[in-house]
Amino acid sequence: MTAPRRALVLVDIQQEYFDGPLEIQFPPRDESLANILNAVDAADEHNIPVVLVQHRLPEGAPIFAEGSKGWSLYPDLKQRIKPSWKHVHKQHSSVFADTDVAEWLRAKDVDTITIVGYMTNNCDLATAAEAEAHGLITEILSDATGAIHLSNEAGEVSAQSLHTTLMVLLQSNLAAVTTTTQWIDALHTSSSLPKSNLIESALNGRSATPSV
């Protein structure tokens, strides 16, 4: 099997997710950030291209307003930026929407993207879904991403339940879900990561769930 030609996609690792209404709740912020930085260091060690994505809204917006504290990249990540990285700003959930990220990845001959960053329940999910249309294989690091508690007219869900559910959903079709340590191990051996499919996941789910 051909070794994956990976790129690491750093999604919105900005101060907005560490202070304020979008504060990441699960996994713990400090743990996910440490794993993100470990993934960055591993990508550097293995000469893996890096895409740095930063959400940007106009001045005066309630969140991610350009130039605001919340818009700023997390300092420990900012210190690691290299000139070779692709740095883009986005206004939509997917990193591909109205950006040239897909074209840049094709120019680098990338066939697999590894998603880290925030949030699991918005930009990570949207990026994984759109990657399929670009012919890209997707990986997502479960402990280098994170979700928030949600409550609205449709109901409510804790960050832990939301994150766990979305990891199961992604693994069932859209992405190979793994941990940062397992991903780094795969880099050392140039290995692909296992992903389930809808049929296998459905049959396993039927067996695991008692009939009503």
Protein backbone atom coordinates (compact mmCIF):
# COMPACT_ATOMS: atom_id res chain seq x y z
CA MET A 1 0.00 0.00 0.00
CA THR A 2 1.24 3.48 -0.89
CA ALA A 3 2.28 5.58 2.09
CA PRO A 4 -0.09 8.48 2.87
CA ARG A 5 1.03 11.88 1.63
CA ARG A 6 -0.15 13.88 4.61
CA ALA A 7 -0.66 17.51 5.50
CA LEU A 8 -1.47 18.72 9.01
CA VAL A 9 -4.39 21.17 9.11
CA LEU A 10 -4.45 23.43 12.16
CA VAL A 11 -8.00 24.69 12.54
CA ASP A 12 -8.69 27.93 14.43
CA ILE A 13 -6.34 27.51 17.37
CA GLN A 14 -7.26 30.94 18.60
CA GLN A 15 -7.79 32.64 21.94
CA GLU A 16 -11.56 32.69 21.40
CA TYR A 17 -11.63 29.01 22.39
CA PHE A 18 -9.78 29.54 25.66
CA ASP A 19 -11.75 32.43 27.12
CA GLY A 20 -15.36 33.42 26.51
CA PRO A 21 -18.59 31.81 25.26
CA LEU A 22 -16.79 29.38 22.94
CA GLU A 23 -14.43 28.07 25.61
CA ILE A 24 -13.61 24.43 24.80
CA GLN A 25 -15.02 22.06 27.43
CA PHE A 26 -13.96 18.56 26.30
CA PRO A 27 -11.35 17.24 26.07
CA PRO A 28 -9.75 19.61 28.61
CA ARG A 29 -8.33 22.63 26.79
CA ASP A 30 -4.81 22.32 28.15
CA GLU A 31 -4.63 18.66 27.14
CA SER A 32 -5.89 19.23 23.62
CA LEU A 33 -3.53 22.16 23.15
CA ALA A 34 -0.54 20.10 24.32
CA ASN A 35 -1.48 17.40 21.83
CA ILE A 36 -1.85 19.95 19.03
CA LEU A 37 1.66 21.23 19.74
CA ASN A 38 3.00 17.65 19.81
CA ALA A 39 1.42 17.06 16.40
CA VAL A 40 3.00 20.25 15.06
CA ASP A 41 6.43 19.19 16.30
CA ALA A 42 6.00 15.73 14.78
CA ALA A 43 4.93 17.21 11.45
CA ASP A 44 8.04 19.38 11.47
CA GLU A 45 10.22 16.35 12.25
CA HIS A 46 8.71 14.38 9.33
CA ASN A 47 8.62 17.27 6.83
CA ILE A 48 4.82 17.20 6.64
CA PRO A 49 3.23 20.30 5.08
CA VAL A 50 1.20 22.41 7.49
CA VAL A 51 -1.89 24.53 6.84
CA LEU A 52 -2.60 27.14 9.51
CA VAL A 53 -6.21 28.31 9.43
CA GLN A 54 -7.46 31.35 11.33
CA HIS A 55 -11.12 32.36 11.50
CA ARG A 56 -11.61 36.04 10.78
CA LEU A 57 -14.66 38.28 11.00
CA PRO A 58 -14.89 42.06 10.47
CA GLU A 59 -14.04 44.57 13.17
CA GLY A 60 -16.93 44.88 15.61
CA ALA A 61 -18.08 41.27 15.27
CA PRO A 62 -18.91 39.63 18.64
CA ILE A 63 -16.32 36.88 18.10
CA PHE A 64 -13.19 36.47 15.94
CA ALA A 65 -13.09 40.17 15.09
CA GLU A 66 -9.84 40.80 13.25
CA GLY A 67 -7.26 42.35 15.56
CA SER A 68 -9.10 41.37 18.76
CA LYS A 69 -7.68 39.20 21.52
CA GLY A 70 -10.06 36.37 20.65
CA TRP A 71 -8.95 36.42 17.00
CA SER A 72 -5.30 36.00 17.96
CA LEU A 73 -3.55 32.66 17.57
CA TYR A 74 -2.62 30.88 20.77
CA PRO A 75 0.90 32.12 21.70
CA ASP A 76 2.55 28.69 21.97
CA LEU A 77 1.41 27.90 18.44
CA LYS A 78 2.34 31.31 17.08
CA GLN A 79 5.92 30.74 18.21
CA ARG A 80 6.14 27.61 16.04
CA ILE A 81 4.99 29.15 12.75
CA LYS A 82 7.38 28.56 9.85
CA PRO A 83 7.60 30.41 6.51
CA SER A 84 6.80 27.16 4.68
CA TRP A 85 3.36 26.91 6.30
CA LYS A 86 0.24 27.84 4.37
CA HIS A 87 -1.56 30.51 6.42
CA VAL A 88 -5.15 31.31 5.44
CA HIS A 89 -8.07 33.20 6.92
CA LYS A 90 -11.61 31.91 6.62
CA GLN A 91 -15.14 33.12 7.27
CA HIS A 92 -16.99 29.82 6.93
CA SER A 93 -16.91 26.57 8.88
CA SER A 94 -14.94 24.52 6.33
CA VAL A 95 -11.31 25.43 5.72
CA PHE A 96 -11.96 24.87 2.01
CA ALA A 97 -14.79 27.39 1.60
CA ASP A 98 -13.61 30.53 -0.23
CA THR A 99 -9.93 29.67 0.31
CA ASP A 100 -7.24 28.15 -1.91
CA VAL A 101 -6.39 25.39 0.57
CA ALA A 102 -7.52 22.59 -1.78
CA GLU A 103 -5.36 23.95 -4.61
CA TRP A 104 -2.35 24.28 -2.31
CA LEU A 105 -2.74 20.71 -1.12
CA ARG A 106 -2.96 19.43 -4.69
CA ALA A 107 0.20 21.34 -5.59
CA LYS A 108 1.93 19.60 -2.68
CA ASP A 109 0.65 16.21 -3.93
CA VAL A 110 -1.17 15.68 -0.62
CA ASP A 111 -3.79 12.92 -0.50
CA THR A 112 -4.46 12.83 3.27
CA ILE A 113 -5.24 15.66 5.68
CA THR A 114 -4.94 15.39 9.45
CA ILE A 115 -7.28 17.73 11.32
CA VAL A 116 -6.50 19.20 14.73
CA GLY A 117 -7.95 22.26 16.41
CA TYR A 118 -11.40 23.62 17.11
CA MET A 119 -14.26 22.98 17.22
CA THR A 120 -15.13 19.33 16.76
CA ASN A 121 -18.81 20.26 16.41
CA ASN A 122 -18.35 22.93 13.76
CA CYS A 123 -15.24 23.63 11.71
CA ASP A 124 -13.60 20.21 12.15
CA LEU A 125 -16.79 18.42 11.13
CA ALA A 126 -17.42 20.72 8.16
CA THR A 127 -13.84 20.36 6.95
CA ALA A 128 -13.92 16.56 7.15
CA ALA A 129 -17.20 16.47 5.22
CA GLU A 130 -15.98 18.76 2.44
CA ALA A 131 -12.61 17.01 2.14
CA GLU A 132 -14.38 14.02 0.61
CA ALA A 133 -15.53 16.15 -2.33
CA HIS A 134 -11.92 17.18 -2.94
CA GLY A 135 -10.80 13.56 -3.12
CA LEU A 136 -8.89 13.76 0.15
CA ILE A 137 -8.59 11.12 2.85
CA THR A 138 -9.19 12.61 6.29
CA GLU A 139 -7.72 11.83 9.69
CA ILE A 140 -8.77 13.56 12.90
CA LEU A 141 -6.99 13.46 16.23
CA SER A 142 -9.59 12.94 18.95
CA ASP A 143 -7.42 14.30 21.75
CA ALA A 144 -6.17 17.33 19.77
CA THR A 145 -9.66 18.68 19.02
CA GLY A 146 -12.49 19.78 21.29
CA ALA A 147 -16.18 20.57 21.69
CA ILE A 148 -18.43 22.83 23.76
CA HIS A 149 -21.66 22.32 25.70
CA LEU A 150 -24.70 23.12 23.54
CA SER A 151 -28.31 23.98 24.40
CA ASN A 152 -30.97 25.30 22.04
CA GLU A 153 -34.53 24.72 20.82
CA ALA A 154 -33.62 21.19 19.71
CA GLY A 155 -32.32 20.11 23.12
CA GLU A 156 -29.06 20.07 24.99
CA VAL A 157 -25.89 18.02 24.98
CA SER A 158 -22.68 18.05 27.01
CA ALA A 159 -19.34 18.67 25.32
CA GLN A 160 -18.16 15.17 26.24
CA SER A 161 -21.21 13.48 24.74
CA LEU A 162 -21.05 15.69 21.67
CA HIS A 163 -17.34 15.13 21.08
CA THR A 164 -17.59 11.37 21.61
CA THR A 165 -20.62 11.06 19.34
CA LEU A 166 -18.98 13.04 16.56
CA MET A 167 -15.82 10.93 16.76
CA VAL A 168 -17.95 7.80 16.29
CA LEU A 169 -19.81 9.45 13.42
CA LEU A 170 -16.60 10.55 11.70
CA GLN A 171 -14.99 7.13 12.09
CA SER A 172 -18.05 5.52 10.52
CA ASN A 173 -17.48 7.16 7.15
CA LEU A 174 -15.72 10.52 6.91
CA ALA A 175 -12.42 10.15 8.73
CA ALA A 176 -9.96 7.88 10.46
CA VAL A 177 -10.16 8.84 14.13
CA THR A 178 -7.06 8.33 16.25
CA THR A 179 -5.04 9.81 19.10
CA THR A 180 -2.02 12.04 18.74
CA THR A 181 0.31 9.29 19.99
CA GLN A 182 -1.10 6.77 17.51
CA TRP A 183 -0.80 9.30 14.69
CA ILE A 184 2.83 10.02 15.51
CA ASP A 185 3.51 6.27 15.56
CA ALA A 186 1.95 6.06 12.08
CA LEU A 187 4.29 8.79 10.87
CA HIS A 188 7.31 6.76 11.95
CA THR A 189 6.14 3.79 9.88
CA SER A 190 4.50 5.79 7.05
CA SER A 191 1.32 3.84 7.76
CA SER A 192 -2.32 4.52 6.98
CA LEU A 193 -4.83 4.63 9.83
CA PRO A 194 -7.87 2.33 10.01
CA LYS A 195 -11.33 3.72 9.28
CA SER A 196 -14.66 1.97 9.56
CA ASN A 197 -17.57 2.31 7.13
CA LEU A 198 -21.31 2.78 7.46
CA ILE A 199 -22.21 -0.88 6.97
CA GLU A 200 -19.66 -2.19 9.46
CA SER A 201 -20.52 0.51 11.98
CA ALA A 202 -24.24 -0.13 11.56
CA LEU A 203 -23.89 -3.88 12.07
CA ASN A 204 -21.65 -3.35 15.10
CA GLY A 205 -24.13 -0.83 16.46
CA ARG A 206 -27.02 -3.21 16.01
CA SER A 207 -25.16 -5.93 17.90
CA ALA A 208 -24.12 -3.57 20.70
CA THR A 209 -27.52 -1.94 21.21
CA PRO A 210 -30.37 -3.97 22.77
CA SER A 211 -33.56 -4.12 20.72
CA VAL A 212 -36.31 -1.81 21.92
